[in-house]
Amino acid sequence: MGVGGIRDVITSSAMEYAQGKVMNDVGTAMLSKSLDLQESQGAQLTKMMEMSVNPAVGGNFDMSV
């Protein structure tokens, strides 16, 4: 293998590494968004369940001066 062949292998390996890094970064970003969505849905579910157990709590606010 000549110098040109080695250069091609190195170039090819660098491109594959960069593509792999981009795919990894995209996957990490998607997982982060998915986690944010799950946390939001969990909070909404918790609030809904609390309201079903005690529907009157927090629903009215009486204040006298």
N, C-alpha and C. Protein backbone atom coordinates (compact mmCIF):
# COMPACT_ATOMS: atom_id res chain seq x y z
N MET A 1 0.86 -1.17 0.00
CA MET A 1 0.00 0.00 0.00
C MET A 1 0.90 1.23 0.00
N GLY A 2 0.64 2.13 -0.92
CA GLY A 2 1.43 3.33 -1.03
C GLY A 2 0.93 4.43 -0.11
N VAL A 3 1.59 5.57 -0.21
CA VAL A 3 1.23 6.71 0.62
C VAL A 3 -0.19 7.16 0.32
N GLY A 4 -0.59 7.15 -0.95
CA GLY A 4 -1.93 7.55 -1.33
C GLY A 4 -2.98 6.64 -0.72
N GLY A 5 -2.68 5.32 -0.66
CA GLY A 5 -3.63 4.36 -0.08
C GLY A 5 -3.81 4.59 1.41
N ILE A 6 -2.72 4.88 2.10
CA ILE A 6 -2.79 5.14 3.54
C ILE A 6 -3.58 6.42 3.79
N ARG A 7 -3.34 7.43 2.97
CA ARG A 7 -4.05 8.69 3.11
C ARG A 7 -5.55 8.48 2.91
N ASP A 8 -5.92 7.65 1.94
CA ASP A 8 -7.34 7.36 1.70
C ASP A 8 -7.97 6.64 2.90
N VAL A 9 -7.23 5.71 3.49
CA VAL A 9 -7.74 4.97 4.65
C VAL A 9 -7.94 5.92 5.83
N ILE A 10 -6.98 6.79 6.05
CA ILE A 10 -7.09 7.76 7.14
C ILE A 10 -8.26 8.71 6.90
N THR A 11 -8.39 9.20 5.69
CA THR A 11 -9.50 10.10 5.35
C THR A 11 -10.83 9.40 5.55
N SER A 12 -10.93 8.18 5.08
CA SER A 12 -12.16 7.41 5.22
C SER A 12 -12.48 7.16 6.70
N SER A 13 -11.49 6.82 7.48
CA SER A 13 -11.69 6.58 8.91
C SER A 13 -12.13 7.85 9.63
N ALA A 14 -11.55 8.98 9.26
CA ALA A 14 -11.92 10.25 9.89
C ALA A 14 -13.37 10.60 9.55
N MET A 15 -13.78 10.36 8.32
CA MET A 15 -15.16 10.66 7.92
C MET A 15 -16.13 9.74 8.65
N GLU A 16 -15.81 8.47 8.78
CA GLU A 16 -16.67 7.54 9.50
C GLU A 16 -16.77 7.93 10.98
N TYR A 17 -15.68 8.36 11.56
CA TYR A 17 -15.69 8.80 12.95
C TYR A 17 -16.59 10.02 13.12
N ALA A 18 -16.46 10.99 12.22
CA ALA A 18 -17.27 12.21 12.30
C ALA A 18 -18.75 11.88 12.13
N GLN A 19 -19.09 11.00 11.20
CA GLN A 19 -20.48 10.61 11.00
C GLN A 19 -21.01 9.89 12.24
N GLY A 20 -20.21 9.04 12.83
CA GLY A 20 -20.61 8.33 14.04
C GLY A 20 -20.83 9.29 15.19
N LYS A 21 -19.98 10.30 15.30
CA LYS A 21 -20.12 11.29 16.37
C LYS A 21 -21.41 12.09 16.17
N VAL A 22 -21.72 12.47 14.95
CA VAL A 22 -22.95 13.20 14.67
C VAL A 22 -24.17 12.35 15.04
N MET A 23 -24.15 11.10 14.64
CA MET A 23 -25.27 10.20 14.96
C MET A 23 -25.41 10.02 16.47
N ASN A 24 -24.31 9.93 17.17
CA ASN A 24 -24.33 9.82 18.62
C ASN A 24 -24.92 11.08 19.25
N ASP A 25 -24.51 12.25 18.75
CA ASP A 25 -25.03 13.52 19.28
C ASP A 25 -26.52 13.65 19.02
N VAL A 26 -26.97 13.23 17.84
CA VAL A 26 -28.40 13.27 17.51
C VAL A 26 -29.17 12.33 18.44
N GLY A 27 -28.66 11.15 18.65
CA GLY A 27 -29.31 10.19 19.54
C GLY A 27 -29.42 10.72 20.96
N THR A 28 -28.36 11.34 21.44
CA THR A 28 -28.37 11.92 22.78
C THR A 28 -29.39 13.05 22.89
N ALA A 29 -29.47 13.89 21.87
CA ALA A 29 -30.44 14.99 21.89
C ALA A 29 -31.87 14.45 21.88
N MET A 30 -32.11 13.40 21.10
CA MET A 30 -33.45 12.81 21.05
C MET A 30 -33.82 12.19 22.39
N LEU A 31 -32.88 11.51 23.03
CA LEU A 31 -33.15 10.94 24.35
C LEU A 31 -33.43 12.03 25.38
N SER A 32 -32.72 13.14 25.29
CA SER A 32 -32.94 14.25 26.21
C SER A 32 -34.35 14.81 26.05
N LYS A 33 -34.78 15.00 24.79
CA LYS A 33 -36.14 15.50 24.54
C LYS A 33 -37.17 14.50 25.05
N SER A 34 -36.91 13.23 24.84
CA SER A 34 -37.83 12.19 25.29
C SER A 34 -37.94 12.20 26.82
N LEU A 35 -36.84 12.37 27.50
CA LEU A 35 -36.84 12.44 28.96
C LEU A 35 -37.63 13.65 29.45
N ASP A 36 -37.43 14.79 28.79
CA ASP A 36 -38.19 16.00 29.16
C ASP A 36 -39.69 15.76 29.00
N LEU A 37 -40.07 15.12 27.91
CA LEU A 37 -41.48 14.84 27.66
C LEU A 37 -42.04 13.89 28.72
N GLN A 38 -41.28 12.86 29.07
CA GLN A 38 -41.73 11.90 30.08
C GLN A 38 -41.90 12.58 31.44
N GLU A 39 -40.99 13.47 31.79
CA GLU A 39 -41.09 14.19 33.06
C GLU A 39 -42.34 15.08 33.08
N SER A 40 -42.60 15.74 31.97
CA SER A 40 -43.77 16.60 31.88
C SER A 40 -45.06 15.79 32.00
N GLN A 41 -45.12 14.67 31.29
CA GLN A 41 -46.30 13.82 31.35
C GLN A 41 -46.48 13.23 32.75
N GLY A 42 -45.40 12.89 33.40
CA GLY A 42 -45.48 12.36 34.77
C GLY A 42 -46.02 13.39 35.73
N ALA A 43 -45.58 14.63 35.59
CA ALA A 43 -46.07 15.70 36.46
C ALA A 43 -47.56 15.94 36.22
N GLN A 44 -47.98 15.91 34.97
CA GLN A 44 -49.40 16.09 34.66
C GLN A 44 -50.23 14.94 35.21
N LEU A 45 -49.72 13.73 35.09
CA LEU A 45 -50.44 12.57 35.61
C LEU A 45 -50.57 12.65 37.13
N THR A 46 -49.50 13.05 37.80
CA THR A 46 -49.54 13.20 39.25
C THR A 46 -50.58 14.23 39.66
N LYS A 47 -50.61 15.36 38.98
CA LYS A 47 -51.58 16.41 39.29
C LYS A 47 -53.01 15.90 39.05
N MET A 48 -53.22 15.18 37.97
CA MET A 48 -54.53 14.65 37.66
C MET A 48 -54.99 13.65 38.72
N MET A 49 -54.07 12.81 39.18
CA MET A 49 -54.42 11.81 40.20
C MET A 49 -54.72 12.49 41.53
N GLU A 50 -53.96 13.53 41.89
CA GLU A 50 -54.23 14.25 43.13
C GLU A 50 -55.60 14.91 43.08
N MET A 51 -55.95 15.47 41.94
CA MET A 51 -57.26 16.11 41.80
C MET A 51 -58.39 15.10 41.85
N SER A 52 -58.16 13.87 41.40
CA SER A 52 -59.22 12.86 41.44
C SER A 52 -59.45 12.35 42.86
N VAL A 53 -58.42 12.37 43.70
CA VAL A 53 -58.56 11.92 45.08
C VAL A 53 -59.18 13.01 45.94
N ASN A 54 -58.74 14.22 45.79
CA ASN A 54 -59.25 15.37 46.56
C ASN A 54 -59.64 16.49 45.60
N PRO A 55 -60.80 16.38 44.95
CA PRO A 55 -61.14 17.38 43.93
C PRO A 55 -61.39 18.77 44.49
N ALA A 56 -61.75 18.89 45.77
CA ALA A 56 -62.06 20.21 46.33
C ALA A 56 -60.82 20.95 46.81
N VAL A 57 -59.72 20.25 47.02
CA VAL A 57 -58.52 20.89 47.56
C VAL A 57 -57.90 21.78 46.49
N GLY A 58 -57.75 23.02 46.84
CA GLY A 58 -57.10 23.96 45.93
C GLY A 58 -58.02 24.50 44.86
N GLY A 59 -59.27 24.06 44.83
CA GLY A 59 -60.17 24.52 43.80
C GLY A 59 -60.78 25.87 44.10
N ASN A 60 -60.98 26.17 45.37
CA ASN A 60 -61.60 27.43 45.77
C ASN A 60 -60.69 28.15 46.77
N PHE A 61 -60.76 29.45 46.70
CA PHE A 61 -59.97 30.26 47.62
C PHE A 61 -60.89 31.30 48.24
N ASP A 62 -61.15 31.17 49.52
CA ASP A 62 -62.01 32.10 50.23
C ASP A 62 -61.14 33.04 51.05
N MET A 63 -61.40 34.32 50.91
CA MET A 63 -60.61 35.29 51.65
C MET A 63 -61.55 36.36 52.19
N SER A 64 -61.38 36.67 53.45
CA SER A 64 -62.16 37.75 54.03
C SER A 64 -61.21 38.77 54.63
N VAL A 65 -61.61 40.00 54.54
CA VAL A 65 -60.76 41.08 55.02
C VAL A 65 -61.38 41.71 56.24
